[in-house]
Amino acid sequence: MIVGANRSGKTTLAHALNEDTSPVKRTQDIIYGKRTIDIPGSYLESPWMYKHIIAAAQDASEVLFLVDQSSKREMYSPGFANVFLCPVTGVITKSDKAPENETFCISQLKMAGVSEPYFKVCVPDGSGLEALIQHLSKFRR
C-alpha cells in the first residue's frame, strides 16, 4: 500500500511497481493494482479519512510512507506508522531534486514512527527502485 501527500509520486511509483506502462493519472479513489494499493493523497491530508487508510491496510503486506524530497510539507501525524499491523517502510521520492531537503524528509519519517532503512527513489531515471523492489519482495503474500 502506498501512502503520501498529493503529488508525492504515489501513482508513478505504483505504476513502476506494477510494471504498468499506461499514462499516469491523478488518483481520486483507492486503486488496487497488480501489486499495489494506491491511496489518494487527499486521504492523508484529511485526518478524518485516516480510518479508510487503516482499513485498506488490512489488504496490504507492507505500507509505504512516501515523502517528497522536492517539497518541505509536513504530512504525517506523529506516530501514525504505529497504527498499522504490517511493516511500514519509508520512501523518499523525487530524490534527484532538492538534496538539501533530505534531512527534513528523514525527520518526517522518524516523527511518523517509520524505522530505517529509508529508500531514496527517482522513478523517471529508475534510481533506487531495484533496492526497494528487493525489500518489498520479502513481504509478498
Protein backbone atom coordinates (compact mmCIF):
# COMPACT_ATOMS: atom_id res chain seq x y z
CA MET A 1 0.00 0.00 0.00
CA ILE A 2 1.35 3.43 -0.95
CA VAL A 3 0.55 6.48 1.20
CA GLY A 4 1.73 10.05 0.69
CA ALA A 5 0.78 13.64 0.01
CA ASN A 6 -0.72 14.84 -3.25
CA ARG A 7 1.93 14.98 -5.99
CA SER A 8 4.47 12.98 -3.96
CA GLY A 9 4.79 10.33 -6.67
CA LYS A 10 2.48 7.62 -5.32
CA THR A 11 0.80 6.71 -8.59
CA THR A 12 4.05 6.97 -10.55
CA LEU A 13 5.70 4.58 -8.07
CA ALA A 14 2.66 2.27 -8.20
CA HIS A 15 2.92 2.15 -12.00
CA ALA A 16 6.61 1.25 -11.73
CA LEU A 17 5.98 -1.49 -9.15
CA ASN A 18 3.09 -2.88 -11.19
CA GLU A 19 5.11 -2.68 -14.43
CA ASP A 20 2.25 -0.59 -15.84
CA THR A 21 3.13 1.47 -18.92
CA SER A 22 -0.20 3.31 -19.26
CA PRO A 23 -0.22 7.08 -18.69
CA VAL A 24 -0.22 8.16 -15.05
CA LYS A 25 -3.43 9.93 -14.00
CA ARG A 26 -4.31 11.63 -10.74
CA THR A 27 -5.86 9.14 -8.30
CA GLN A 28 -9.15 10.17 -6.70
CA ASP A 29 -10.13 6.80 -5.25
CA ILE A 30 -8.25 3.87 -3.78
CA ILE A 31 -6.81 1.94 -6.73
CA TYR A 32 -6.00 -1.75 -6.33
CA GLY A 33 -3.21 -2.59 -8.76
CA LYS A 34 -1.46 -5.86 -9.58
CA ARG A 35 0.96 -5.41 -6.65
CA THR A 36 -0.12 -2.16 -5.02
CA ILE A 37 -2.90 -0.30 -3.29
CA ASP A 38 -2.64 3.38 -4.26
CA ILE A 39 -4.17 5.69 -1.65
CA PRO A 40 -5.19 9.20 -2.78
CA GLY A 41 -3.20 12.00 -1.14
CA SER A 42 -6.44 13.62 -0.01
CA TYR A 43 -6.95 10.71 2.42
CA LEU A 44 -3.70 11.59 4.20
CA GLU A 45 -4.39 15.31 4.11
CA SER A 46 -7.73 14.87 5.92
CA PRO A 47 -7.30 13.22 9.34
CA TRP A 48 -10.96 12.17 9.33
CA MET A 49 -10.07 9.94 6.35
CA TYR A 50 -7.35 8.05 8.26
CA LYS A 51 -9.85 5.31 9.09
CA HIS A 52 -10.05 4.49 5.36
CA ILE A 53 -6.25 4.26 5.09
CA ILE A 54 -6.14 1.99 8.14
CA ALA A 55 -8.97 -0.20 6.78
CA ALA A 56 -7.29 -0.53 3.35
CA ALA A 57 -4.07 -1.62 5.07
CA GLN A 58 -5.84 -4.84 6.11
CA ASP A 59 -5.30 -5.98 2.50
CA ALA A 60 -1.61 -4.96 2.45
CA SER A 61 1.50 -6.89 3.33
CA GLU A 62 3.54 -3.67 3.60
CA VAL A 63 2.77 0.06 3.80
CA LEU A 64 4.99 2.60 2.07
CA PHE A 65 5.07 6.11 3.53
CA LEU A 66 6.26 8.48 0.80
CA VAL A 67 7.96 11.80 1.47
CA ASP A 68 8.63 14.09 -1.49
CA GLN A 69 12.19 15.46 -1.37
CA SER A 70 11.24 18.36 -3.65
CA SER A 71 8.81 19.69 -1.02
CA LYS A 72 9.06 20.59 2.65
CA ARG A 73 5.46 19.82 3.58
CA GLU A 74 4.73 18.04 6.84
CA MET A 75 2.09 15.42 6.10
CA TYR A 76 2.17 12.66 8.69
CA SER A 77 0.76 12.78 12.19
CA PRO A 78 3.28 11.89 14.90
CA GLY A 79 3.45 8.11 15.34
CA PHE A 80 0.96 7.41 12.52
CA ALA A 81 3.01 4.42 11.31
CA ASN A 82 2.39 2.69 14.64
CA VAL A 83 -1.30 2.07 13.90
CA PHE A 84 -0.53 -0.44 11.13
CA LEU A 85 -0.21 -4.15 11.86
CA CYS A 86 2.03 -4.77 8.83
CA PRO A 87 5.52 -3.31 8.35
CA VAL A 88 5.83 0.34 7.29
CA THR A 89 8.70 1.41 5.04
CA GLY A 90 9.83 4.98 4.36
CA VAL A 91 10.41 6.06 0.78
CA ILE A 92 11.92 9.40 -0.20
CA THR A 93 10.65 10.18 -3.69
CA LYS A 94 12.00 12.64 -6.24
CA SER A 95 15.44 12.02 -4.75
CA ASP A 96 17.04 13.81 -7.69
CA LYS A 97 15.51 17.12 -6.59
CA ALA A 98 16.39 19.45 -3.67
CA PRO A 99 19.08 17.31 -1.98
CA GLU A 100 19.17 19.90 0.81
CA ASN A 101 15.72 18.58 1.92
CA GLU A 102 16.90 15.01 2.59
CA THR A 103 17.40 15.62 6.33
CA PHE A 104 13.91 17.14 6.55
CA CYS A 105 12.43 14.06 4.82
CA ILE A 106 14.21 11.70 7.20
CA SER A 107 12.96 13.67 10.21
CA GLN A 108 9.39 13.44 8.84
CA LEU A 109 9.61 9.67 8.54
CA LYS A 110 11.10 9.31 12.03
CA MET A 111 8.41 11.58 13.53
CA ALA A 112 5.74 9.44 11.85
CA GLY A 113 7.22 6.35 13.54
CA VAL A 114 8.86 4.78 10.47
CA SER A 115 12.08 2.92 11.22
CA GLU A 116 15.11 2.83 8.94
CA PRO A 117 16.14 1.82 6.34
CA TYR A 118 14.64 4.51 4.11
CA PHE A 119 14.69 4.10 0.35
CA LYS A 120 15.56 7.03 -1.91
CA VAL A 121 13.97 6.66 -5.34
CA CYS A 122 13.65 8.60 -8.56
CA VAL A 123 11.16 6.73 -10.74
CA PRO A 124 11.86 8.56 -14.03
CA ASP A 125 15.52 7.50 -14.04
CA GLY A 126 14.94 4.28 -12.08
CA SER A 127 17.42 5.04 -9.31
CA GLY A 128 16.66 3.28 -6.05
CA LEU A 129 13.83 1.18 -7.48
CA GLU A 130 15.73 -2.11 -7.52
CA ALA A 131 16.64 -1.84 -3.83
CA LEU A 132 13.02 -1.02 -2.95
CA ILE A 133 11.68 -3.90 -5.05
CA GLN A 134 14.10 -6.35 -3.39
CA HIS A 135 12.99 -5.10 0.03
CA LEU A 136 9.30 -5.45 -0.87
CA SER A 137 9.78 -8.98 -2.22
CA LYS A 138 10.26 -10.12 1.39
CA PHE A 139 6.66 -9.17 2.19
CA ARG A 140 4.71 -10.54 -0.78
CA ARG A 141 1.79 -12.70 0.16
